[in-house]
Amino acid sequence: MMMNWIAIGTLSDIPRRGARCVATPQGKIAVFRTADDQVFAIEDHCPHKGGPLSQGIVHGAAVTCPLHNWVISLETGKALGADEGAVRTIPVRIEGERLFIALEALASRAA
């Protein structure tokens, strides 16, 4: 499958343990940077009540939703602990400082 890599800025655009939101034709994507500079991209809505995960607190490779404290794995998109549900994860590529996300993957899974 052809990946359509979209440039979304640079690593330094995102604070450590923070996120930024990217609007795409398939909806909002939250792009997270962990304390050790790993970058993950997931849909920006909690599977529970649609809370904005990009405004949550990043700890390790997970984010806590600001609405009801659900913890979502940035690696798998799955809710952790007793909670059930998941968001889609989006492939991220880092070239030097520049960040790219793959949008083809989103479109094909939604079809």
PDB file of N, CA and C in Angstrom:
ATOM      1  N   MET A   1       0.849  -1.191   0.000  1.00  0.00           N
ATOM      2  CA  MET A   1       0.000   0.000   0.000  1.00  0.00           C
ATOM      3  C   MET A   1       0.889   1.248   0.000  1.00  0.00           C
ATOM      4  N   MET A   2       0.515   2.218  -0.814  1.00  0.00           N
ATOM      5  CA  MET A   2       1.264   3.474  -0.883  1.00  0.00           C
ATOM      6  C   MET A   2       0.925   4.318   0.336  1.00  0.00           C
ATOM      7  N   MET A   3       1.935   4.733   1.055  1.00  0.00           N
ATOM      8  CA  MET A   3       1.710   5.629   2.184  1.00  0.00           C
ATOM      9  C   MET A   3       1.801   7.064   1.687  1.00  0.00           C
ATOM     10  N   ASN A   4       0.866   7.877   2.121  1.00  0.00           N
ATOM     11  CA  ASN A   4       0.864   9.287   1.760  1.00  0.00           C
ATOM     12  C   ASN A   4       1.388  10.061   2.967  1.00  0.00           C
ATOM     13  N   TRP A   5       2.696  10.331   2.971  1.00  0.00           N
ATOM     14  CA  TRP A   5       3.309  10.975   4.138  1.00  0.00           C
ATOM     15  C   TRP A   5       3.081  12.478   4.094  1.00  0.00           C
ATOM     16  N   ILE A   6       2.451  13.008   5.114  1.00  0.00           N
ATOM     17  CA  ILE A   6       2.138  14.428   5.209  1.00  0.00           C
ATOM     18  C   ILE A   6       3.059  15.064   6.250  1.00  0.00           C
ATOM     19  N   ALA A   7       3.760  16.128   5.852  1.00  0.00           N
ATOM     20  CA  ALA A   7       4.630  16.841   6.796  1.00  0.00           C
ATOM     21  C   ALA A   7       3.761  17.589   7.806  1.00  0.00           C
ATOM     22  N   ILE A   8       4.065  17.433   9.086  1.00  0.00           N
ATOM     23  CA  ILE A   8       3.257  18.091  10.126  1.00  0.00           C
ATOM     24  C   ILE A   8       4.090  18.993  11.023  1.00  0.00           C
ATOM     25  N   GLY A   9       5.317  19.297  10.618  1.00  0.00           N
ATOM     26  CA  GLY A   9       6.138  20.183  11.434  1.00  0.00           C
ATOM     27  C   GLY A   9       7.400  19.487  11.906  1.00  0.00           C
ATOM     28  N   THR A  10       7.954  19.991  12.994  1.00  0.00           N
ATOM     29  CA  THR A  10       9.205  19.444  13.512  1.00  0.00           C
ATOM     30  C   THR A  10       9.023  18.964  14.943  1.00  0.00           C
ATOM     31  N   LEU A  11       9.973  18.159  15.388  1.00  0.00           N
ATOM     32  CA  LEU A  11       9.944  17.625  16.752  1.00  0.00           C
ATOM     33  C   LEU A  11       9.859  18.750  17.772  1.00  0.00           C
ATOM     34  N   SER A  12      10.581  19.840  17.521  1.00  0.00           N
ATOM     35  CA  SER A  12      10.599  20.922  18.503  1.00  0.00           C
ATOM     36  C   SER A  12       9.281  21.701  18.570  1.00  0.00           C
ATOM     37  N   ASP A  13       8.372  21.453  17.598  1.00  0.00           N
ATOM     38  CA  ASP A  13       7.041  22.073  17.663  1.00  0.00           C
ATOM     39  C   ASP A  13       6.218  21.513  18.821  1.00  0.00           C
ATOM     40  N   ILE A  14       6.574  20.307  19.247  1.00  0.00           N
ATOM     41  CA  ILE A  14       5.789  19.628  20.286  1.00  0.00           C
ATOM     42  C   ILE A  14       6.592  19.604  21.571  1.00  0.00           C
ATOM     43  N   PRO A  15       6.040  20.131  22.664  1.00  0.00           N
ATOM     44  CA  PRO A  15       6.805  20.080  23.920  1.00  0.00           C
ATOM     45  C   PRO A  15       6.960  18.644  24.407  1.00  0.00           C
ATOM     46  N   ARG A  16       8.060  18.365  25.123  1.00  0.00           N
ATOM     47  CA  ARG A  16       8.204  17.024  25.726  1.00  0.00           C
ATOM     48  C   ARG A  16       7.013  16.753  26.631  1.00  0.00           C
ATOM     49  N   ARG A  17       6.502  15.528  26.580  1.00  0.00           N
ATOM     50  CA  ARG A  17       5.320  15.105  27.335  1.00  0.00           C
ATOM     51  C   ARG A  17       4.111  15.980  26.994  1.00  0.00           C
ATOM     52  N   GLY A  18       4.080  16.441  25.744  1.00  0.00           N
ATOM     53  CA  GLY A  18       2.960  17.253  25.283  1.00  0.00           C
ATOM     54  C   GLY A  18       2.458  16.748  23.949  1.00  0.00           C
ATOM     55  N   ALA A  19       1.542  17.505  23.355  1.00  0.00           N
ATOM     56  CA  ALA A  19       0.953  17.090  22.093  1.00  0.00           C
ATOM     57  C   ALA A  19       0.557  18.300  21.289  1.00  0.00           C
ATOM     58  N   ARG A  20       0.352  18.079  20.005  1.00  0.00           N
ATOM     59  CA  ARG A  20      -0.324  19.075  19.201  1.00  0.00           C
ATOM     60  C   ARG A  20      -1.356  18.377  18.355  1.00  0.00           C
ATOM     61  N   CYS A  21      -2.342  19.139  17.951  1.00  0.00           N
ATOM     62  CA  CYS A  21      -3.463  18.594  17.216  1.00  0.00           C
ATOM     63  C   CYS A  21      -3.302  18.950  15.741  1.00  0.00           C
ATOM     64  N   VAL A  22      -3.517  17.969  14.870  1.00  0.00           N
ATOM     65  CA  VAL A  22      -3.416  18.194  13.435  1.00  0.00           C
ATOM     66  C   VAL A  22      -4.780  17.879  12.819  1.00  0.00           C
ATOM     67  N   ALA A  23      -5.345  18.856  12.102  1.00  0.00           N
ATOM     68  CA  ALA A  23      -6.624  18.618  11.432  1.00  0.00           C
ATOM     69  C   ALA A  23      -6.363  17.941  10.097  1.00  0.00           C
ATOM     70  N   THR A  24      -7.052  16.826   9.851  1.00  0.00           N
ATOM     71  CA  THR A  24      -6.906  16.130   8.575  1.00  0.00           C
ATOM     72  C   THR A  24      -8.305  15.900   8.006  1.00  0.00           C
ATOM     73  N   PRO A  25      -8.391  15.518   6.731  1.00  0.00           N
ATOM     74  CA  PRO A  25      -9.719  15.231   6.152  1.00  0.00           C
ATOM     75  C   PRO A  25     -10.438  14.108   6.903  1.00  0.00           C
ATOM     76  N   GLN A  26      -9.685  13.240   7.583  1.00  0.00           N
ATOM     77  CA  GLN A  26     -10.300  12.140   8.329  1.00  0.00           C
ATOM     78  C   GLN A  26     -10.554  12.477   9.793  1.00  0.00           C
ATOM     79  N   GLY A  27     -10.378  13.741  10.151  1.00  0.00           N
ATOM     80  CA  GLY A  27     -10.611  14.124  11.541  1.00  0.00           C
ATOM     81  C   GLY A  27      -9.338  14.591  12.211  1.00  0.00           C
ATOM     82  N   LYS A  28      -9.463  14.915  13.498  1.00  0.00           N
ATOM     83  CA  LYS A  28      -8.315  15.445  14.241  1.00  0.00           C
ATOM     84  C   LYS A  28      -7.388  14.318  14.683  1.00  0.00           C
ATOM     85  N   ILE A  29      -6.102  14.560  14.517  1.00  0.00           N
ATOM     86  CA  ILE A  29      -5.067  13.624  14.938  1.00  0.00           C
ATOM     87  C   ILE A  29      -4.259  14.308  16.042  1.00  0.00           C
ATOM     88  N   ALA A  30      -4.034  13.596  17.144  1.00  0.00           N
ATOM     89  CA  ALA A  30      -3.180  14.104  18.214  1.00  0.00           C
ATOM     90  C   ALA A  30      -1.793  13.507  18.033  1.00  0.00           C
ATOM     91  N   VAL A  31      -0.785  14.369  17.976  1.00  0.00           N
ATOM     92  CA  VAL A  31       0.596  13.916  17.822  1.00  0.00           C
ATOM     93  C   VAL A  31       1.322  14.200  19.134  1.00  0.00           C
ATOM     94  N   PHE A  32       1.821  13.140  19.749  1.00  0.00           N
ATOM     95  CA  PHE A  32       2.418  13.226  21.081  1.00  0.00           C
ATOM     96  C   PHE A  32       3.926  13.042  21.025  1.00  0.00           C
ATOM     97  N   ARG A  33       4.610  13.713  21.950  1.00  0.00           N
ATOM     98  CA  ARG A  33       6.054  13.531  22.131  1.00  0.00           C
ATOM     99  C   ARG A  33       6.269  13.094  23.568  1.00  0.00           C
ATOM    100  N   THR A  34       6.942  11.970  23.744  1.00  0.00           N
ATOM    101  CA  THR A  34       7.181  11.471  25.096  1.00  0.00           C
ATOM    102  C   THR A  34       8.412  12.145  25.688  1.00  0.00           C
ATOM    103  N   ALA A  35       8.666  11.888  26.965  1.00  0.00           N
ATOM    104  CA  ALA A  35       9.816  12.487  27.660  1.00  0.00           C
ATOM    105  C   ALA A  35      11.123  12.089  26.989  1.00  0.00           C
ATOM    106  N   ASP A  36      11.165  10.888  26.362  1.00  0.00           N
ATOM    107  CA  ASP A  36      12.405  10.453  25.704  1.00  0.00           C
ATOM    108  C   ASP A  36      12.333  10.629  24.184  1.00  0.00           C
ATOM    109  N   ASP A  37      11.499  11.578  23.737  1.00  0.00           N
ATOM    110  CA  ASP A  37      11.445  11.999  22.334  1.00  0.00           C
ATOM    111  C   ASP A  37      10.903  10.957  21.368  1.00  0.00           C
ATOM    112  N   GLN A  38      10.119  10.005  21.855  1.00  0.00           N
ATOM    113  CA  GLN A  38       9.381   9.163  20.923  1.00  0.00           C
ATOM    114  C   GLN A  38       8.157   9.960  20.471  1.00  0.00           C
ATOM    115  N   VAL A  39       7.722   9.722  19.250  1.00  0.00           N
ATOM    116  CA  VAL A  39       6.561  10.434  18.730  1.00  0.00           C
ATOM    117  C   VAL A  39       5.501   9.424  18.331  1.00  0.00           C
ATOM    118  N   PHE A  40       4.266   9.687  18.761  1.00  0.00           N
ATOM    119  CA  PHE A  40       3.138   8.822  18.440  1.00  0.00           C
ATOM    120  C   PHE A  40       1.991   9.683  17.930  1.00  0.00           C
ATOM    121  N   ALA A  41       1.177   9.119  17.055  1.00  0.00           N
ATOM    122  CA  ALA A  41      -0.006   9.832  16.571  1.00  0.00           C
ATOM    123  C   ALA A  41      -1.218   8.924  16.710  1.00  0.00           C
ATOM    124  N   ILE A  42      -2.277   9.465  17.324  1.00  0.00           N
ATOM    125  CA  ILE A  42      -3.531   8.722  17.470  1.00  0.00           C
ATOM    126  C   ILE A  42      -4.691   9.680  17.211  1.00  0.00           C
ATOM    127  N   GLU A  43      -5.880   9.122  17.021  1.00  0.00           N
ATOM    128  CA  GLU A  43      -7.055   9.971  16.873  1.00  0.00           C
ATOM    129  C   GLU A  43      -7.228  10.800  18.136  1.00  0.00           C
ATOM    130  N   ASP A  44      -7.676  12.043  17.956  1.00  0.00           N
ATOM    131  CA  ASP A  44      -7.762  12.964  19.099  1.00  0.00           C
ATOM    132  C   ASP A  44      -9.120  12.903  19.784  1.00  0.00           C
ATOM    133  N   HIS A  45      -9.624  11.701  20.018  1.00  0.00           N
ATOM    134  CA  HIS A  45     -10.837  11.626  20.841  1.00  0.00           C
ATOM    135  C   HIS A  45     -10.839  10.328  21.621  1.00  0.00           C
ATOM    136  N   CYS A  46     -11.068  10.462  22.920  1.00  0.00           N
ATOM    137  CA  CYS A  46     -11.079   9.308  23.811  1.00  0.00           C
ATOM    138  C   CYS A  46     -12.214   8.371  23.408  1.00  0.00           C
ATOM    139  N   PRO A  47     -11.969   7.051  23.453  1.00  0.00           N
ATOM    140  CA  PRO A  47     -13.038   6.105  23.097  1.00  0.00           C
ATOM    141  C   PRO A  47     -14.193   6.119  24.101  1.00  0.00           C
ATOM    142  N   HIS A  48     -13.989   6.746  25.231  1.00  0.00           N
ATOM    143  CA  HIS A  48     -15.005   6.764  26.276  1.00  0.00           C
ATOM    144  C   HIS A  48     -16.089   7.790  25.953  1.00  0.00           C
ATOM    145  N   LYS A  49     -15.771   9.077  26.062  1.00  0.00           N
ATOM    146  CA  LYS A  49     -16.759  10.126  25.797  1.00  0.00           C
ATOM    147  C   LYS A  49     -16.244  11.163  24.799  1.00  0.00           C
ATOM    148  N   GLY A  50     -15.204  10.799  24.043  1.00  0.00           N
ATOM    149  CA  GLY A  50     -14.701  11.707  23.015  1.00  0.00           C
ATOM    150  C   GLY A  50     -13.854  12.857  23.518  1.00  0.00           C
ATOM    151  N   GLY A  51     -13.309  12.722  24.712  1.00  0.00           N
ATOM    152  CA  GLY A  51     -12.465  13.787  25.265  1.00  0.00           C
ATOM    153  C   GLY A  51     -11.251  14.065  24.385  1.00  0.00           C
ATOM    154  N   PRO A  52     -10.730  15.300  24.420  1.00  0.00           N
ATOM    155  CA  PRO A  52      -9.579  15.672  23.588  1.00  0.00           C
ATOM    156  C   PRO A  52      -8.273  15.133  24.163  1.00  0.00           C
ATOM    157  N   LEU A  53      -7.811  14.009  23.636  1.00  0.00           N
ATOM    158  CA  LEU A  53      -6.601  13.381  24.179  1.00  0.00           C
ATOM    159  C   LEU A  53      -5.381  14.287  24.042  1.00  0.00           C
ATOM    160  N   SER A  54      -5.379  15.170  23.033  1.00  0.00           N
ATOM    161  CA  SER A  54      -4.227  16.065  22.842  1.00  0.00           C
ATOM    162  C   SER A  54      -4.060  17.018  24.026  1.00  0.00           C
ATOM    163  N   GLN A  55      -5.104  17.185  24.838  1.00  0.00           N
ATOM    164  CA  GLN A  55      -5.004  18.042  26.027  1.00  0.00           C
ATOM    165  C   GLN A  55      -4.722  17.235  27.288  1.00  0.00           C
ATOM    166  N   GLY A  56      -4.493  15.932  27.122  1.00  0.00           N
ATOM    167  CA  GLY A  56      -4.246  15.072  28.276  1.00  0.00           C
ATOM    168  C   GLY A  56      -2.807  15.125  28.743  1.00  0.00           C
ATOM    169  N   ILE A  57      -2.528  14.376  29.805  1.00  0.00           N
ATOM    170  CA  ILE A  57      -1.185  14.329  30.387  1.00  0.00           C
ATOM    171  C   ILE A  57      -0.470  13.086  29.880  1.00  0.00           C
ATOM    172  N   VAL A  58       0.725  13.295  29.314  1.00  0.00           N
ATOM    173  CA  VAL A  58       1.521  12.188  28.788  1.00  0.00           C
ATOM    174  C   VAL A  58       2.426  11.661  29.898  1.00  0.00           C
ATOM    175  N   HIS A  59       2.406  10.332  30.080  1.00  0.00           N
ATOM    176  CA  HIS A  59       3.303   9.699  31.057  1.00  0.00           C
ATOM    177  C   HIS A  59       3.740   8.382  30.459  1.00  0.00           C
ATOM    178  N   GLY A  60       5.058   8.216  30.323  1.00  0.00           N
ATOM    179  CA  GLY A  60       5.566   7.037  29.629  1.00  0.00           C
ATOM    180  C   GLY A  60       5.051   7.060  28.205  1.00  0.00           C
ATOM    181  N   ALA A  61       4.544   5.922  27.718  1.00  0.00           N
ATOM    182  CA  ALA A  61       3.987   5.860  26.361  1.00  0.00           C
ATOM    183  C   ALA A  61       2.465   5.789  26.436  1.00  0.00           C
ATOM    184  N   ALA A  62       1.894   6.612  27.326  1.00  0.00           N
ATOM    185  CA  ALA A  62       0.441   6.647  27.482  1.00  0.00           C
ATOM    186  C   ALA A  62      -0.004   8.086  27.716  1.00  0.00           C
ATOM    187  N   VAL A  63      -1.298   8.325  27.519  1.00  0.00           N
ATOM    188  CA  VAL A  63      -1.864   9.644  27.786  1.00  0.00           C
ATOM    189  C   VAL A  63      -3.118   9.451  28.635  1.00  0.00           C
ATOM    190  N   THR A  64      -3.327  10.359  29.584  1.00  0.00           N
ATOM    191  CA  THR A  64      -4.533  10.319  30.407  1.00  0.00           C
ATOM    192  C   THR A  64      -5.519  11.354  29.861  1.00  0.00           C
ATOM    193  N   CYS A  65      -6.725  10.907  29.533  1.00  0.00           N
ATOM    194  CA  CYS A  65      -7.750  11.797  28.998  1.00  0.00           C
ATOM    195  C   CYS A  65      -8.116  12.843  30.052  1.00  0.00           C
ATOM    196  N   PRO A  66      -8.221  14.125  29.638  1.00  0.00           N
ATOM    197  CA  PRO A  66      -8.539  15.180  30.607  1.00  0.00           C
ATOM    198  C   PRO A  66      -9.967  15.108  31.149  1.00  0.00           C
ATOM    199  N   LEU A  67     -10.868  14.400  30.471  1.00  0.00           N
ATOM    200  CA  LEU A  67     -12.267  14.377  30.936  1.00  0.00           C
ATOM    201  C   LEU A  67     -12.503  13.422  32.097  1.00  0.00           C
ATOM    202  N   HIS A  68     -12.191  12.137  31.889  1.00  0.00           N
ATOM    203  CA  HIS A  68     -12.528  11.147  32.916  1.00  0.00           C
ATOM    204  C   HIS A  68     -11.345  10.258  33.305  1.00  0.00           C
ATOM    205  N   ASN A  69     -10.127  10.745  33.006  1.00  0.00           N
ATOM    206  CA  ASN A  69      -8.905  10.050  33.436  1.00  0.00           C
ATOM    207  C   ASN A  69      -8.723   8.647  32.876  1.00  0.00           C
ATOM    208  N   TRP A  70      -9.321   8.366  31.719  1.00  0.00           N
ATOM    209  CA  TRP A  70      -9.003   7.111  31.040  1.00  0.00           C
ATOM    210  C   TRP A  70      -7.555   7.193  30.570  1.00  0.00           C
ATOM    211  N   VAL A  71      -6.838   6.074  30.640  1.00  0.00           N
ATOM    212  CA  VAL A  71      -5.447   6.035  30.199  1.00  0.00           C
ATOM    213  C   VAL A  71      -5.388   5.266  28.878  1.00  0.00           C
ATOM    214  N   ILE A  72      -4.833   5.914  27.847  1.00  0.00           N
ATOM    215  CA  ILE A  72      -4.772   5.343  26.511  1.00  0.00           C
ATOM    216  C   ILE A  72      -3.317   5.109  26.130  1.00  0.00           C
ATOM    217  N   SER A  73      -3.010   3.900  25.657  1.00  0.00           N
ATOM    218  CA  SER A  73      -1.658   3.596  25.197  1.00  0.00           C
ATOM    219  C   SER A  73      -1.380   4.336  23.892  1.00  0.00           C
ATOM    220  N   LEU A  74      -0.262   5.052  23.825  1.00  0.00           N
ATOM    221  CA  LEU A  74       0.105   5.741  22.590  1.00  0.00           C
ATOM    222  C   LEU A  74       0.622   4.751  21.547  1.00  0.00           C
ATOM    223  N   GLU A  75       1.081   3.589  22.013  1.00  0.00           N
ATOM    224  CA  GLU A  75       1.640   2.595  21.092  1.00  0.00           C
ATOM    225  C   GLU A  75       0.540   1.798  20.395  1.00  0.00           C
ATOM    226  N   THR A  76      -0.498   1.420  21.144  1.00  0.00           N
ATOM    227  CA  THR A  76      -1.546   0.552  20.571  1.00  0.00           C
ATOM    228  C   THR A  76      -2.863   1.271  20.356  1.00  0.00           C
ATOM    229  N   GLY A  77      -3.054   2.424  21.018  1.00  0.00           N
ATOM    230  CA  GLY A  77      -4.327   3.121  20.933  1.00  0.00           C
ATOM    231  C   GLY A  77      -5.392   2.552  21.853  1.00  0.00           C
ATOM    232  N   LYS A  78      -5.036   1.512  22.612  1.00  0.00           N
ATOM    233  CA  LYS A  78      -6.025   0.842  23.471  1.00  0.00           C
ATOM    234  C   LYS A  78      -6.098   1.476  24.859  1.00  0.00           C
ATOM    235  N   ALA A  79      -7.307   1.445  25.420  1.00  0.00           N
ATOM    236  CA  ALA A  79      -7.487   1.884  26.804  1.00  0.00           C
ATOM    237  C   ALA A  79      -6.788   0.890  27.722  1.00  0.00           C
ATOM    238  N   LEU A  80      -6.136   1.393  28.764  1.00  0.00           N
ATOM    239  CA  LEU A  80      -5.397   0.534  29.694  1.00  0.00           C
ATOM    240  C   LEU A  80      -6.205   0.337  30.972  1.00  0.00           C
ATOM    241  N   GLY A  81      -5.820  -0.652  31.752  1.00  0.00           N
ATOM    242  CA  GLY A  81      -6.519  -0.908  33.004  1.00  0.00           C
ATOM    243  C   GLY A  81      -7.848  -1.594  32.728  1.00  0.00           C
ATOM    244  N   ALA A  82      -8.858  -1.256  33.523  1.00  0.00           N
ATOM    245  CA  ALA A  82     -10.152  -1.924  33.423  1.00  0.00           C
ATOM    246  C   ALA A  82     -11.006  -1.384  32.273  1.00  0.00           C
ATOM    247  N   ASP A  83     -10.592  -0.242  31.712  1.00  0.00           N
ATOM    248  CA  ASP A  83     -11.401   0.388  30.673  1.00  0.00           C
ATOM    249  C   ASP A  83     -11.233  -0.328  29.330  1.00  0.00           C
ATOM    250  N   GLU A  84     -12.292  -0.308  28.530  1.00  0.00           N
ATOM    251  CA  GLU A  84     -12.234  -0.952  27.224  1.00  0.00           C
ATOM    252  C   GLU A  84     -12.532   0.050  26.129  1.00  0.00           C
ATOM    253  N   GLY A  85     -11.856  -0.117  25.009  1.00  0.00           N
ATOM    254  CA  GLY A  85     -12.032   0.779  23.883  1.00  0.00           C
ATOM    255  C   GLY A  85     -10.679   1.072  23.284  1.00  0.00           C
ATOM    256  N   ALA A  86     -10.688   1.695  22.116  1.00  0.00           N
ATOM    257  CA  ALA A  86      -9.429   2.001  21.444  1.00  0.00           C
ATOM    258  C   ALA A  86      -9.636   3.127  20.449  1.00  0.00           C
ATOM    259  N   VAL A  87      -8.541   3.808  20.139  1.00  0.00           N
ATOM    260  CA  VAL A  87      -8.532   4.785  19.058  1.00  0.00           C
ATOM    261  C   VAL A  87      -7.549   4.275  18.013  1.00  0.00           C
ATOM    262  N   ARG A  88      -7.672   4.778  16.804  1.00  0.00           N
ATOM    263  CA  ARG A  88      -6.735   4.364  15.763  1.00  0.00           C
ATOM    264  C   ARG A  88      -5.393   5.021  15.978  1.00  0.00           C
ATOM    265  N   THR A  89      -4.341   4.265  15.693  1.00  0.00           N
ATOM    266  CA  THR A  89      -2.997   4.818  15.719  1.00  0.00           C
ATOM    267  C   THR A  89      -2.620   5.163  14.281  1.00  0.00           C
ATOM    268  N   ILE A  90      -1.798   6.163  14.118  1.00  0.00           N
ATOM    269  CA  ILE A  90      -1.394   6.628  12.794  1.00  0.00           C
ATOM    270  C   ILE A  90       0.121   6.515  12.691  1.00  0.00           C
ATOM    271  N   PRO A  91       0.632   5.931  11.591  1.00  0.00           N
ATOM    272  CA  PRO A  91       2.088   5.813  11.452  1.00  0.00           C
ATOM    273  C   PRO A  91       2.757   7.182  11.440  1.00  0.00           C
ATOM    274  N   VAL A  92       3.906   7.258  12.130  1.00  0.00           N
ATOM    275  CA  VAL A  92       4.691   8.502  12.193  1.00  0.00           C
ATOM    276  C   VAL A  92       6.082   8.197  11.665  1.00  0.00           C
ATOM    277  N   ARG A  93       6.626   9.132  10.906  1.00  0.00           N
ATOM    278  CA  ARG A  93       8.004   8.998  10.434  1.00  0.00           C
ATOM    279  C   ARG A  93       8.763  10.245  10.848  1.00  0.00           C
ATOM    280  N   ILE A  94      10.001  10.053  11.326  1.00  0.00           N
ATOM    281  CA  ILE A  94      10.838  11.191  11.719  1.00  0.00           C
ATOM    282  C   ILE A  94      12.055  11.197  10.806  1.00  0.00           C
ATOM    283  N   GLU A  95      12.274  12.328  10.149  1.00  0.00           N
ATOM    284  CA  GLU A  95      13.481  12.487   9.317  1.00  0.00           C
ATOM    285  C   GLU A  95      14.233  13.690   9.850  1.00  0.00           C
ATOM    286  N   GLY A  96      15.295  13.429  10.587  1.00  0.00           N
ATOM    287  CA  GLY A  96      16.003  14.521  11.247  1.00  0.00           C
ATOM    288  C   GLY A  96      15.068  15.145  12.270  1.00  0.00           C
ATOM    289  N   GLU A  97      14.726  16.410  12.086  1.00  0.00           N
ATOM    290  CA  GLU A  97      13.799  17.102  12.991  1.00  0.00           C
ATOM    291  C   GLU A  97      12.364  17.046  12.472  1.00  0.00           C
ATOM    292  N   ARG A  98      12.197  16.681  11.196  1.00  0.00           N
ATOM    293  CA  ARG A  98      10.884  16.805  10.565  1.00  0.00           C
ATOM    294  C   ARG A  98      10.005  15.593  10.847  1.00  0.00           C
ATOM    295  N   LEU A  99       8.723  15.884  11.085  1.00  0.00           N
ATOM    296  CA  LEU A  99       7.751  14.839  11.390  1.00  0.00           C
ATOM    297  C   LEU A  99       6.760  14.680  10.248  1.00  0.00           C
ATOM    298  N   PHE A 100       6.397  13.431   9.978  1.00  0.00           N
ATOM    299  CA  PHE A 100       5.412  13.115   8.955  1.00  0.00           C
ATOM    300  C   PHE A 100       4.425  12.103   9.523  1.00  0.00           C
ATOM    301  N   ILE A 101       3.152  12.216   9.120  1.00  0.00           N
ATOM    302  CA  ILE A 101       2.193  11.161   9.445  1.00  0.00           C
ATOM    303  C   ILE A 101       1.665  10.582   8.137  1.00  0.00           C
ATOM    304  N   ALA A 102       1.265   9.323   8.186  1.00  0.00           N
ATOM    305  CA  ALA A 102       0.739   8.642   7.002  1.00  0.00           C
ATOM    306  C   ALA A 102      -0.781   8.681   7.042  1.00  0.00           C
ATOM    307  N   LEU A 103      -1.376   9.322   6.051  1.00  0.00           N
ATOM    308  CA  LEU A 103      -2.824   9.425   6.042  1.00  0.00           C
ATOM    309  C   LEU A 103      -3.506   8.316   5.261  1.00  0.00           C
ATOM    310  N   GLU A 104      -2.808   7.662   4.333  1.00  0.00           N
ATOM    311  CA  GLU A 104      -3.429   6.578   3.570  1.00  0.00           C
ATOM    312  C   GLU A 104      -3.981   5.516   4.517  1.00  0.00           C
ATOM    313  N   ALA A 105      -3.197   5.190   5.524  1.00  0.00           N
ATOM    314  CA  ALA A 105      -3.569   4.125   6.457  1.00  0.00           C
ATOM    315  C   ALA A 105      -4.933   4.417   7.074  1.00  0.00           C
ATOM    316  N   LEU A 106      -5.165   5.685   7.378  1.00  0.00           N
ATOM    317  CA  LEU A 106      -6.451   6.082   7.967  1.00  0.00           C
ATOM    318  C   LEU A 106      -7.601   5.858   6.999  1.00  0.00           C
ATOM    319  N   ALA A 107      -7.430   6.374   5.794  1.00  0.00           N
ATOM    320  CA  ALA A 107      -8.509   6.325   4.814  1.00  0.00           C
ATOM    321  C   ALA A 107      -8.896   4.881   4.498  1.00  0.00           C
ATOM    322  N   SER A 108      -7.893   4.007   4.356  1.00  0.00           N
ATOM    323  CA  SER A 108      -8.197   2.644   3.954  1.00  0.00           C
ATOM    324  C   SER A 108      -8.909   1.881   5.070  1.00  0.00           C
ATOM    325  N   ARG A 109      -8.571   2.186   6.322  1.00  0.00           N
ATOM    326  CA  ARG A 109      -9.210   1.468   7.427  1.00  0.00           C
ATOM    327  C   ARG A 109     -10.642   1.945   7.637  1.00  0.00           C
ATOM    328  N   ALA A 110     -10.902   3.189   7.275  1.00  0.00           N
ATOM    329  CA  ALA A 110     -12.242   3.737   7.491  1.00  0.00           C
ATOM    330  C   ALA A 110     -13.218   3.224   6.427  1.00  0.00           C
ATOM    331  N   ALA A 111     -12.683   2.804   5.299  1.00  0.00           N
ATOM    332  CA  ALA A 111     -13.532   2.407   4.168  1.00  0.00           C
ATOM    333  C   ALA A 111     -14.298   1.119   4.450  1.00  0.00           C
TER     334      ALA A 111
END
